[in-house]
Amino acid sequence: MRKIKKKWPVSILVILFMSVAYIVVPEAAGQVQTISVTPTPSRNAAGLEAISTSNVDRITQIARLGYGTIKDLEWSPDGLTLAAATGVGILVYDATDLSAPPQFMECGSILIMSMAWGPDSDRLAVGGWDGNIYLWQIGASEPYTVLNGHGNAIFSLEWQYNKNLLASGSTDGTIQLWDVRSGIAQMILDA
């Protein structure tokens, strides 16, 4: 067995499959380094190809187990819906039937830090780690608008009720007031 000399980051994914360990290590700029420990260098015991940097782009998800950490919870203004921001997307629960499975809105690479309901209870503003605000229509498969202007993560969002004004607070030390119709920041306040 070959020893690997590398400082590993905290987040390492180990996939065990057919007595083979695959180690997936997230790196900077979205690159992934993978190492497989197999009986042979390129194939595992079942004859399947080992994960490597040359074939990692062919990996497809076949199942999701869980939704990750709950980052934020918000009741809709009409009280009929509960939204839960998770590590991988938004779970939308019908409050009139909480035993029903939630609707899942997958957020892809968006790391959700905060969210707020629009005053009409059919829109969500989602604050991302990337400094962007994503506006979602409930039930949509992707955001209908992206507001960008912050330099860091958005940890706070609040709609002005009965208006199309959204306030956002960021770790960049600013509060921005957005007209969601135009997608333009109307005012930037230093916090």
N, C-alpha and C. Protein backbone atom coordinates (compact mmCIF):
# COMPACT_ATOMS: atom_id res chain seq x y z
N MET A 1 0.83 -1.17 0.00
CA MET A 1 0.00 0.00 0.00
C MET A 1 0.89 1.24 0.00
N ARG A 2 0.56 2.19 -0.85
CA ARG A 2 1.33 3.41 -0.99
C ARG A 2 0.90 4.44 0.06
N LYS A 3 1.86 5.10 0.70
CA LYS A 3 1.54 6.16 1.66
C LYS A 3 1.38 7.47 0.90
N ILE A 4 0.38 8.21 1.32
CA ILE A 4 0.11 9.49 0.68
C ILE A 4 0.50 10.59 1.66
N LYS A 5 1.37 11.48 1.23
CA LYS A 5 1.80 12.57 2.09
C LYS A 5 1.06 13.82 1.64
N LYS A 6 0.03 14.16 2.38
CA LYS A 6 -0.78 15.33 2.05
C LYS A 6 -1.56 15.72 3.28
N LYS A 7 -1.68 17.02 3.52
CA LYS A 7 -2.56 17.49 4.57
C LYS A 7 -3.97 17.48 4.00
N TRP A 8 -4.87 16.77 4.64
CA TRP A 8 -6.24 16.65 4.16
C TRP A 8 -7.11 17.73 4.76
N PRO A 9 -7.96 18.33 3.95
CA PRO A 9 -8.92 19.30 4.50
C PRO A 9 -9.94 18.57 5.37
N VAL A 10 -10.73 19.31 6.12
CA VAL A 10 -11.70 18.72 7.03
C VAL A 10 -12.74 17.90 6.28
N SER A 11 -13.19 18.36 5.10
CA SER A 11 -14.27 17.66 4.41
C SER A 11 -13.69 16.66 3.42
N ILE A 12 -13.77 15.39 3.77
CA ILE A 12 -13.34 14.30 2.91
C ILE A 12 -14.51 13.34 2.79
N LEU A 13 -14.81 12.93 1.60
CA LEU A 13 -15.90 11.99 1.37
C LEU A 13 -15.28 10.63 1.09
N VAL A 14 -15.65 9.64 1.86
CA VAL A 14 -15.18 8.29 1.63
C VAL A 14 -16.35 7.46 1.14
N ILE A 15 -16.20 6.87 -0.01
CA ILE A 15 -17.22 6.02 -0.59
C ILE A 15 -16.73 4.58 -0.52
N LEU A 16 -17.49 3.74 0.16
CA LEU A 16 -17.13 2.32 0.23
C LEU A 16 -18.04 1.57 -0.74
N PHE A 17 -17.44 0.86 -1.67
CA PHE A 17 -18.22 0.13 -2.66
C PHE A 17 -17.49 -1.15 -3.00
N MET A 18 -18.16 -2.27 -2.84
CA MET A 18 -17.60 -3.58 -3.21
C MET A 18 -16.19 -3.78 -2.62
N SER A 19 -16.04 -3.52 -1.33
CA SER A 19 -14.78 -3.70 -0.61
C SER A 19 -13.67 -2.78 -1.12
N VAL A 20 -14.03 -1.68 -1.71
CA VAL A 20 -13.06 -0.72 -2.21
C VAL A 20 -13.37 0.63 -1.58
N ALA A 21 -12.35 1.31 -1.12
CA ALA A 21 -12.55 2.65 -0.55
C ALA A 21 -12.15 3.70 -1.57
N TYR A 22 -13.06 4.62 -1.86
CA TYR A 22 -12.78 5.75 -2.74
C TYR A 22 -12.78 6.99 -1.87
N ILE A 23 -11.74 7.77 -1.94
CA ILE A 23 -11.64 8.98 -1.13
C ILE A 23 -11.74 10.17 -2.08
N VAL A 24 -12.72 11.04 -1.83
CA VAL A 24 -12.93 12.21 -2.67
C VAL A 24 -12.62 13.43 -1.82
N VAL A 25 -11.71 14.26 -2.29
CA VAL A 25 -11.23 15.40 -1.53
C VAL A 25 -11.56 16.68 -2.30
N PRO A 26 -12.48 17.54 -1.78
CA PRO A 26 -12.74 18.81 -2.44
C PRO A 26 -11.51 19.72 -2.35
N GLU A 27 -11.15 20.33 -3.44
CA GLU A 27 -10.02 21.25 -3.49
C GLU A 27 -10.52 22.63 -3.90
N ALA A 28 -9.65 23.59 -3.90
CA ALA A 28 -9.99 24.96 -4.29
C ALA A 28 -10.43 25.00 -5.74
N ALA A 29 -11.20 26.02 -6.08
CA ALA A 29 -11.66 26.29 -7.44
C ALA A 29 -12.49 25.15 -8.01
N GLY A 30 -13.18 24.40 -7.16
CA GLY A 30 -14.09 23.39 -7.64
C GLY A 30 -13.44 22.12 -8.15
N GLN A 31 -12.13 21.98 -8.04
CA GLN A 31 -11.47 20.77 -8.50
C GLN A 31 -11.63 19.68 -7.46
N VAL A 32 -11.65 18.45 -7.89
CA VAL A 32 -11.75 17.33 -6.97
C VAL A 32 -10.59 16.39 -7.24
N GLN A 33 -9.89 16.02 -6.18
CA GLN A 33 -8.86 14.99 -6.30
C GLN A 33 -9.45 13.71 -5.74
N THR A 34 -9.26 12.62 -6.42
CA THR A 34 -9.75 11.35 -5.91
C THR A 34 -8.63 10.35 -5.83
N ILE A 35 -8.74 9.50 -4.88
CA ILE A 35 -7.76 8.43 -4.70
C ILE A 35 -8.56 7.17 -4.45
N SER A 36 -8.25 6.10 -5.13
CA SER A 36 -8.94 4.85 -4.85
C SER A 36 -7.93 3.84 -4.32
N VAL A 37 -8.39 3.08 -3.36
CA VAL A 37 -7.57 2.01 -2.81
C VAL A 37 -8.21 0.73 -3.29
N THR A 38 -7.62 0.10 -4.29
CA THR A 38 -8.24 -1.05 -4.94
C THR A 38 -7.25 -2.20 -5.04
N PRO A 39 -7.78 -3.40 -5.29
CA PRO A 39 -6.88 -4.54 -5.48
C PRO A 39 -5.96 -4.36 -6.68
N THR A 40 -6.41 -3.68 -7.71
CA THR A 40 -5.56 -3.37 -8.86
C THR A 40 -5.61 -1.87 -9.08
N PRO A 41 -4.64 -1.28 -9.74
CA PRO A 41 -4.59 0.17 -9.87
C PRO A 41 -5.80 0.80 -10.58
N SER A 42 -6.40 0.13 -11.56
CA SER A 42 -7.45 0.79 -12.33
C SER A 42 -8.83 0.14 -12.19
N ARG A 43 -8.92 -1.03 -11.61
CA ARG A 43 -10.21 -1.73 -11.48
C ARG A 43 -10.36 -2.26 -10.07
N ASN A 44 -11.61 -2.32 -9.58
CA ASN A 44 -11.82 -2.90 -8.25
C ASN A 44 -12.08 -4.40 -8.38
N ALA A 45 -12.41 -5.04 -7.26
CA ALA A 45 -12.60 -6.49 -7.25
C ALA A 45 -13.72 -6.93 -8.19
N ALA A 46 -14.72 -6.08 -8.39
CA ALA A 46 -15.83 -6.43 -9.27
C ALA A 46 -15.53 -6.10 -10.73
N GLY A 47 -14.34 -5.58 -11.00
CA GLY A 47 -13.99 -5.22 -12.36
C GLY A 47 -14.46 -3.84 -12.77
N LEU A 48 -14.99 -3.06 -11.83
CA LEU A 48 -15.46 -1.72 -12.14
C LEU A 48 -14.30 -0.74 -12.12
N GLU A 49 -14.39 0.26 -12.97
CA GLU A 49 -13.33 1.27 -13.06
C GLU A 49 -13.26 2.11 -11.79
N ALA A 50 -12.06 2.31 -11.28
CA ALA A 50 -11.86 3.13 -10.09
C ALA A 50 -12.05 4.60 -10.42
N ILE A 51 -12.51 5.38 -9.46
CA ILE A 51 -12.67 6.82 -9.65
C ILE A 51 -11.28 7.45 -9.70
N SER A 52 -11.08 8.30 -10.69
CA SER A 52 -9.81 8.99 -10.84
C SER A 52 -10.07 10.40 -11.37
N THR A 53 -9.03 11.23 -11.40
CA THR A 53 -9.20 12.59 -11.92
C THR A 53 -9.56 12.58 -13.40
N SER A 54 -9.26 11.52 -14.10
CA SER A 54 -9.59 11.47 -15.53
C SER A 54 -11.04 11.05 -15.80
N ASN A 55 -11.72 10.46 -14.82
CA ASN A 55 -13.10 10.02 -15.08
C ASN A 55 -14.12 10.57 -14.08
N VAL A 56 -13.69 11.45 -13.18
CA VAL A 56 -14.59 11.94 -12.15
C VAL A 56 -15.78 12.69 -12.75
N ASP A 57 -15.63 13.26 -13.93
CA ASP A 57 -16.74 13.98 -14.56
C ASP A 57 -17.86 13.05 -15.02
N ARG A 58 -17.63 11.75 -15.01
CA ARG A 58 -18.65 10.78 -15.41
C ARG A 58 -19.47 10.26 -14.23
N ILE A 59 -19.16 10.72 -13.02
CA ILE A 59 -19.89 10.28 -11.84
C ILE A 59 -21.29 10.89 -11.87
N THR A 60 -22.30 10.07 -11.64
CA THR A 60 -23.67 10.56 -11.57
C THR A 60 -24.28 10.15 -10.25
N GLN A 61 -25.15 10.99 -9.76
CA GLN A 61 -25.82 10.71 -8.50
C GLN A 61 -26.93 9.68 -8.74
N ILE A 62 -26.95 8.63 -7.94
CA ILE A 62 -28.01 7.63 -8.08
C ILE A 62 -28.98 7.68 -6.91
N ALA A 63 -28.60 8.36 -5.83
CA ALA A 63 -29.50 8.49 -4.68
C ALA A 63 -29.01 9.62 -3.79
N ARG A 64 -29.94 10.18 -3.03
CA ARG A 64 -29.58 11.18 -2.03
C ARG A 64 -30.11 10.68 -0.71
N LEU A 65 -29.23 10.64 0.27
CA LEU A 65 -29.63 10.22 1.60
C LEU A 65 -29.55 11.44 2.50
N GLY A 66 -30.68 12.02 2.81
CA GLY A 66 -30.71 13.21 3.66
C GLY A 66 -30.54 14.48 2.87
N TYR A 67 -30.72 15.59 3.57
CA TYR A 67 -30.66 16.90 2.92
C TYR A 67 -29.62 17.80 3.54
N GLY A 68 -28.84 17.31 4.49
CA GLY A 68 -27.81 18.14 5.10
C GLY A 68 -28.34 18.96 6.26
N THR A 69 -27.52 19.87 6.72
CA THR A 69 -27.82 20.72 7.86
C THR A 69 -28.94 21.70 7.55
N ILE A 70 -29.84 21.91 8.51
CA ILE A 70 -30.87 22.92 8.37
C ILE A 70 -30.22 24.27 8.71
N LYS A 71 -30.20 25.18 7.74
CA LYS A 71 -29.54 26.48 7.92
C LYS A 71 -30.52 27.57 8.35
N ASP A 72 -31.79 27.45 7.93
CA ASP A 72 -32.77 28.48 8.24
C ASP A 72 -34.16 27.88 8.10
N LEU A 73 -35.11 28.39 8.89
CA LEU A 73 -36.52 28.00 8.81
C LEU A 73 -37.35 29.26 8.73
N GLU A 74 -38.35 29.28 7.86
CA GLU A 74 -39.20 30.45 7.72
C GLU A 74 -40.63 30.02 7.40
N TRP A 75 -41.60 30.57 8.16
CA TRP A 75 -43.01 30.40 7.83
C TRP A 75 -43.38 31.43 6.78
N SER A 76 -44.22 31.07 5.83
CA SER A 76 -44.71 32.03 4.85
C SER A 76 -45.60 33.04 5.57
N PRO A 77 -45.73 34.27 5.03
CA PRO A 77 -46.58 35.28 5.68
C PRO A 77 -48.02 34.84 5.88
N ASP A 78 -48.55 34.00 4.97
CA ASP A 78 -49.93 33.53 5.13
C ASP A 78 -50.03 32.34 6.09
N GLY A 79 -48.89 31.84 6.58
CA GLY A 79 -48.87 30.76 7.55
C GLY A 79 -49.17 29.39 6.99
N LEU A 80 -49.27 29.25 5.67
CA LEU A 80 -49.66 27.98 5.07
C LEU A 80 -48.48 27.12 4.64
N THR A 81 -47.26 27.67 4.68
CA THR A 81 -46.10 26.96 4.17
C THR A 81 -44.90 27.20 5.09
N LEU A 82 -44.11 26.15 5.27
CA LEU A 82 -42.87 26.23 6.03
C LEU A 82 -41.73 25.88 5.08
N ALA A 83 -40.71 26.74 5.00
CA ALA A 83 -39.54 26.48 4.17
C ALA A 83 -38.34 26.21 5.06
N ALA A 84 -37.57 25.20 4.71
CA ALA A 84 -36.35 24.84 5.44
C ALA A 84 -35.18 24.88 4.46
N ALA A 85 -34.22 25.75 4.74
CA ALA A 85 -33.01 25.81 3.92
C ALA A 85 -32.05 24.75 4.42
N THR A 86 -31.62 23.87 3.53
CA THR A 86 -30.70 22.79 3.88
C THR A 86 -29.38 22.98 3.16
N GLY A 87 -28.48 22.07 3.37
CA GLY A 87 -27.18 22.12 2.71
C GLY A 87 -27.25 21.92 1.21
N VAL A 88 -28.34 21.37 0.70
CA VAL A 88 -28.42 21.07 -0.73
C VAL A 88 -29.63 21.68 -1.42
N GLY A 89 -30.50 22.34 -0.68
CA GLY A 89 -31.68 22.92 -1.31
C GLY A 89 -32.69 23.38 -0.28
N ILE A 90 -33.90 23.60 -0.75
CA ILE A 90 -34.97 24.10 0.10
C ILE A 90 -36.09 23.06 0.16
N LEU A 91 -36.51 22.72 1.37
CA LEU A 91 -37.65 21.86 1.58
C LEU A 91 -38.86 22.75 1.85
N VAL A 92 -39.94 22.55 1.10
CA VAL A 92 -41.14 23.37 1.25
C VAL A 92 -42.26 22.45 1.73
N TYR A 93 -42.73 22.72 2.97
CA TYR A 93 -43.77 21.89 3.59
C TYR A 93 -45.12 22.60 3.53
N ASP A 94 -46.15 21.83 3.21
CA ASP A 94 -47.52 22.33 3.27
C ASP A 94 -47.97 22.24 4.73
N ALA A 95 -48.20 23.38 5.37
CA ALA A 95 -48.53 23.41 6.80
C ALA A 95 -49.89 22.81 7.09
N THR A 96 -50.74 22.67 6.07
CA THR A 96 -52.05 22.06 6.30
C THR A 96 -51.97 20.54 6.31
N ASP A 97 -50.83 19.98 5.84
CA ASP A 97 -50.62 18.53 5.84
C ASP A 97 -49.13 18.24 6.02
N LEU A 98 -48.64 18.40 7.23
CA LEU A 98 -47.22 18.21 7.49
C LEU A 98 -46.77 16.76 7.39
N SER A 99 -47.72 15.83 7.28
CA SER A 99 -47.34 14.42 7.09
C SER A 99 -46.99 14.14 5.62
N ALA A 100 -47.37 15.03 4.72
CA ALA A 100 -47.05 14.86 3.30
C ALA A 100 -45.56 15.15 3.08
N PRO A 101 -44.94 14.46 2.11
CA PRO A 101 -43.53 14.74 1.83
C PRO A 101 -43.37 16.18 1.35
N PRO A 102 -42.27 16.82 1.70
CA PRO A 102 -42.07 18.20 1.26
C PRO A 102 -41.69 18.27 -0.21
N GLN A 103 -41.96 19.40 -0.80
CA GLN A 103 -41.46 19.69 -2.15
C GLN A 103 -39.99 20.04 -1.97
N PHE A 104 -39.13 19.58 -2.86
CA PHE A 104 -37.70 19.87 -2.75
C PHE A 104 -37.27 20.73 -3.92
N MET A 105 -36.68 21.88 -3.60
CA MET A 105 -36.13 22.78 -4.62
C MET A 105 -34.61 22.69 -4.53
N GLU A 106 -34.01 21.99 -5.48
CA GLU A 106 -32.57 21.77 -5.45
C GLU A 106 -31.84 23.05 -5.82
N CYS A 107 -30.82 23.39 -5.05
CA CYS A 107 -30.09 24.64 -5.27
C CYS A 107 -28.72 24.44 -5.91
N GLY A 108 -28.41 23.23 -6.33
CA GLY A 108 -27.15 22.99 -7.03
C GLY A 108 -25.95 23.41 -6.21
N SER A 109 -25.12 24.28 -6.77
CA SER A 109 -23.90 24.69 -6.10
C SER A 109 -24.10 25.87 -5.15
N ILE A 110 -25.34 26.35 -5.00
CA ILE A 110 -25.62 27.47 -4.10
C ILE A 110 -25.56 26.98 -2.66
N LEU A 111 -24.66 27.53 -1.87
CA LEU A 111 -24.59 27.21 -0.45
C LEU A 111 -25.47 28.23 0.27
N ILE A 112 -26.63 27.79 0.75
CA ILE A 112 -27.63 28.67 1.33
C ILE A 112 -27.22 29.08 2.74
N MET A 113 -27.31 30.38 3.02
CA MET A 113 -26.99 30.90 4.34
C MET A 113 -28.22 31.53 5.01
N SER A 114 -29.18 32.00 4.23
CA SER A 114 -30.36 32.66 4.78
C SER A 114 -31.48 32.65 3.74
N MET A 115 -32.70 32.94 4.20
CA MET A 115 -33.81 33.05 3.26
C MET A 115 -34.92 33.88 3.90
N ALA A 116 -35.80 34.40 3.05
CA ALA A 116 -36.94 35.18 3.52
C ALA A 116 -38.07 35.06 2.49
N TRP A 117 -39.30 34.92 2.99
CA TRP A 117 -40.47 34.85 2.13
C TRP A 117 -40.81 36.23 1.59
N GLY A 118 -41.30 36.26 0.34
CA GLY A 118 -41.88 37.48 -0.19
C GLY A 118 -43.24 37.71 0.45
N PRO A 119 -43.74 38.94 0.42
CA PRO A 119 -45.01 39.25 1.08
C PRO A 119 -46.21 38.50 0.52
N ASP A 120 -46.09 37.98 -0.70
CA ASP A 120 -47.20 37.27 -1.33
C ASP A 120 -47.20 35.77 -1.04
N SER A 121 -46.23 35.27 -0.29
CA SER A 121 -46.11 33.86 0.11
C SER A 121 -45.86 32.90 -1.05
N ASP A 122 -45.48 33.40 -2.22
CA ASP A 122 -45.16 32.48 -3.31
C ASP A 122 -43.74 32.69 -3.86
N ARG A 123 -42.95 33.53 -3.18
CA ARG A 123 -41.56 33.77 -3.57
C ARG A 123 -40.67 33.64 -2.35
N LEU A 124 -39.45 33.19 -2.57
CA LEU A 124 -38.43 33.13 -1.53
C LEU A 124 -37.17 33.84 -2.02
N ALA A 125 -36.59 34.64 -1.16
CA ALA A 125 -35.26 35.19 -1.41
C ALA A 125 -34.29 34.30 -0.65
N VAL A 126 -33.23 33.87 -1.31
CA VAL A 126 -32.25 32.97 -0.72
C VAL A 126 -30.88 33.63 -0.78
N GLY A 127 -30.25 33.80 0.40
CA GLY A 127 -28.92 34.39 0.47
C GLY A 127 -27.86 33.31 0.39
N GLY A 128 -26.91 33.50 -0.51
CA GLY A 128 -25.87 32.50 -0.72
C GLY A 128 -24.53 32.88 -0.11
N TRP A 129 -23.72 31.86 0.09
CA TRP A 129 -22.35 32.03 0.58
C TRP A 129 -21.54 32.85 -0.42
N ASP A 130 -21.95 32.81 -1.69
CA ASP A 130 -21.22 33.48 -2.76
C ASP A 130 -21.50 34.98 -2.84
N GLY A 131 -22.36 35.52 -1.95
CA GLY A 131 -22.67 36.94 -1.95
C GLY A 131 -23.83 37.32 -2.86
N ASN A 132 -24.47 36.34 -3.47
CA ASN A 132 -25.62 36.59 -4.34
C ASN A 132 -26.92 36.30 -3.61
N ILE A 133 -27.99 36.92 -4.10
CA ILE A 133 -29.34 36.66 -3.60
C ILE A 133 -30.10 36.04 -4.76
N TYR A 134 -30.73 34.90 -4.51
CA TYR A 134 -31.47 34.16 -5.53
C TYR A 134 -32.95 34.27 -5.21
N LEU A 135 -33.74 34.74 -6.17
CA LEU A 135 -35.18 34.86 -5.99
C LEU A 135 -35.85 33.67 -6.68
N TRP A 136 -36.61 32.91 -5.90
CA TRP A 136 -37.27 31.70 -6.36
C TRP A 136 -38.78 31.86 -6.32
N GLN A 137 -39.44 31.41 -7.35
CA GLN A 137 -40.89 31.21 -7.32
C GLN A 137 -41.08 29.81 -6.75
N ILE A 138 -41.97 29.65 -5.78
CA ILE A 138 -42.17 28.33 -5.17
C ILE A 138 -42.63 27.37 -6.26
N GLY A 139 -41.98 26.22 -6.31
CA GLY A 139 -42.29 25.19 -7.30
C GLY A 139 -41.39 25.24 -8.52
N ALA A 140 -40.61 26.29 -8.69
CA ALA A 140 -39.72 26.41 -9.85
C ALA A 140 -38.48 25.54 -9.67
N SER A 141 -37.86 25.20 -10.77
CA SER A 141 -36.66 24.37 -10.71
C SER A 141 -35.37 25.19 -10.62
N GLU A 142 -35.48 26.51 -10.81
CA GLU A 142 -34.31 27.37 -10.69
C GLU A 142 -34.76 28.79 -10.36
N PRO A 143 -33.84 29.64 -9.85
CA PRO A 143 -34.22 31.00 -9.50
C PRO A 143 -34.63 31.79 -10.75
N TYR A 144 -35.56 32.73 -10.58
CA TYR A 144 -35.96 33.56 -11.72
C TYR A 144 -35.13 34.83 -11.81
N THR A 145 -34.44 35.20 -10.74
CA THR A 145 -33.57 36.38 -10.74
C THR A 145 -32.42 36.15 -9.76
N VAL A 146 -31.27 36.67 -10.11
CA VAL A 146 -30.11 36.66 -9.21
C VAL A 146 -29.68 38.11 -9.00
N LEU A 147 -29.63 38.53 -7.74
CA LEU A 147 -29.18 39.87 -7.38
C LEU A 147 -27.75 39.75 -6.89
N ASN A 148 -26.84 40.48 -7.54
CA ASN A 148 -25.45 40.41 -7.08
C ASN A 148 -24.92 41.82 -6.83
N GLY A 149 -24.19 41.95 -5.74
CA GLY A 149 -23.65 43.24 -5.36
C GLY A 149 -22.86 43.17 -4.06
N HIS A 150 -23.12 42.15 -3.27
CA HIS A 150 -22.36 41.96 -2.03
C HIS A 150 -21.03 41.28 -2.35
N GLY A 151 -20.05 41.52 -1.50
CA GLY A 151 -18.74 40.91 -1.69
C GLY A 151 -18.56 39.61 -0.93
N ASN A 152 -19.48 39.30 0.00
CA ASN A 152 -19.35 38.10 0.82
C ASN A 152 -20.73 37.50 1.10
N ALA A 153 -20.75 36.48 1.94
CA ALA A 153 -21.96 35.71 2.24
C ALA A 153 -23.10 36.59 2.76
N ILE A 154 -24.33 36.21 2.38
CA ILE A 154 -25.54 36.89 2.82
C ILE A 154 -26.11 36.10 4.00
N PHE A 155 -26.07 36.70 5.20
CA PHE A 155 -26.57 36.02 6.39
C PHE A 155 -27.91 36.55 6.87
N SER A 156 -28.42 37.59 6.22
CA SER A 156 -29.69 38.16 6.68
C SER A 156 -30.46 38.73 5.50
N LEU A 157 -31.76 38.41 5.45
CA LEU A 157 -32.66 38.91 4.40
C LEU A 157 -33.98 39.29 5.04
N GLU A 158 -34.59 40.36 4.56
CA GLU A 158 -35.90 40.76 5.07
C GLU A 158 -36.64 41.55 3.98
N TRP A 159 -37.87 41.09 3.66
CA TRP A 159 -38.73 41.81 2.70
C TRP A 159 -39.46 42.92 3.43
N GLN A 160 -39.68 44.02 2.74
CA GLN A 160 -40.58 45.05 3.24
C GLN A 160 -41.97 44.62 2.77
N TYR A 161 -42.89 44.36 3.72
CA TYR A 161 -44.19 43.83 3.37
C TYR A 161 -44.99 44.81 2.52
N ASN A 162 -45.73 44.25 1.57
CA ASN A 162 -46.56 45.00 0.63
C ASN A 162 -45.73 45.88 -0.30
N LYS A 163 -44.45 45.61 -0.41
CA LYS A 163 -43.55 46.37 -1.29
C LYS A 163 -42.68 45.37 -2.04
N ASN A 164 -41.96 45.87 -3.02
CA ASN A 164 -40.98 45.05 -3.74
C ASN A 164 -39.57 45.44 -3.33
N LEU A 165 -39.39 45.68 -2.03
CA LEU A 165 -38.09 46.07 -1.50
C LEU A 165 -37.58 44.95 -0.60
N LEU A 166 -36.33 44.58 -0.81
CA LEU A 166 -35.69 43.51 -0.05
C LEU A 166 -34.41 44.07 0.57
N ALA A 167 -34.21 43.85 1.86
CA ALA A 167 -32.97 44.24 2.54
C ALA A 167 -32.11 43.01 2.72
N SER A 168 -30.80 43.17 2.48
CA SER A 168 -29.86 42.07 2.66
C SER A 168 -28.67 42.53 3.50
N GLY A 169 -28.23 41.66 4.40
CA GLY A 169 -27.06 41.94 5.23
C GLY A 169 -25.99 40.91 4.95
N SER A 170 -24.75 41.38 4.84
CA SER A 170 -23.67 40.50 4.42
C SER A 170 -22.47 40.63 5.35
N THR A 171 -21.61 39.62 5.30
CA THR A 171 -20.36 39.67 6.04
C THR A 171 -19.38 40.67 5.42
N ASP A 172 -19.75 41.30 4.30
CA ASP A 172 -18.91 42.37 3.74
C ASP A 172 -19.11 43.68 4.49
N GLY A 173 -20.01 43.67 5.52
CA GLY A 173 -20.22 44.83 6.36
C GLY A 173 -21.22 45.83 5.81
N THR A 174 -22.04 45.39 4.83
CA THR A 174 -23.03 46.31 4.27
C THR A 174 -24.44 45.74 4.36
N ILE A 175 -25.40 46.66 4.35
CA ILE A 175 -26.80 46.34 4.18
C ILE A 175 -27.20 46.94 2.85
N GLN A 176 -27.83 46.14 1.99
CA GLN A 176 -28.25 46.66 0.70
C GLN A 176 -29.77 46.57 0.60
N LEU A 177 -30.37 47.60 0.04
CA LEU A 177 -31.81 47.64 -0.19
C LEU A 177 -32.05 47.49 -1.68
N TRP A 178 -32.78 46.44 -2.05
CA TRP A 178 -32.97 46.04 -3.45
C TRP A 178 -34.39 46.27 -3.91
N ASP A 179 -34.55 46.80 -5.12
CA ASP A 179 -35.83 46.79 -5.81
C ASP A 179 -35.86 45.46 -6.57
N VAL A 180 -36.68 44.52 -6.13
CA VAL A 180 -36.65 43.18 -6.73
C VAL A 180 -37.22 43.17 -8.15
N ARG A 181 -38.00 44.18 -8.53
CA ARG A 181 -38.51 44.25 -9.90
C ARG A 181 -37.40 44.56 -10.89
N SER A 182 -36.53 45.50 -10.52
CA SER A 182 -35.43 45.89 -11.42
C SER A 182 -34.15 45.10 -11.16
N GLY A 183 -34.02 44.54 -9.96
CA GLY A 183 -32.81 43.81 -9.59
C GLY A 183 -31.65 44.73 -9.26
N ILE A 184 -31.94 45.99 -8.97
CA ILE A 184 -30.90 46.98 -8.70
C ILE A 184 -30.92 47.38 -7.23
N ALA A 185 -29.73 47.46 -6.64
CA ALA A 185 -29.62 47.92 -5.25
C ALA A 185 -29.94 49.42 -5.23
N GLN A 186 -30.93 49.81 -4.46
CA GLN A 186 -31.36 51.20 -4.36
C GLN A 186 -30.52 51.99 -3.38
N MET A 187 -29.96 51.30 -2.39
CA MET A 187 -29.16 51.98 -1.37
C MET A 187 -28.22 50.96 -0.73
N ILE A 188 -27.02 51.42 -0.38
CA ILE A 188 -26.05 50.60 0.33
C ILE A 188 -25.70 51.33 1.62
N LEU A 189 -25.91 50.65 2.74
CA LEU A 189 -25.62 51.22 4.05
C LEU A 189 -24.43 50.49 4.66
N ASP A 190 -23.51 51.25 5.24
CA ASP A 190 -22.41 50.61 5.98
C ASP A 190 -22.92 50.22 7.34
N ALA A 191 -22.68 48.98 7.72
CA ALA A 191 -23.16 48.48 9.01
C ALA A 191 -22.17 48.79 10.11
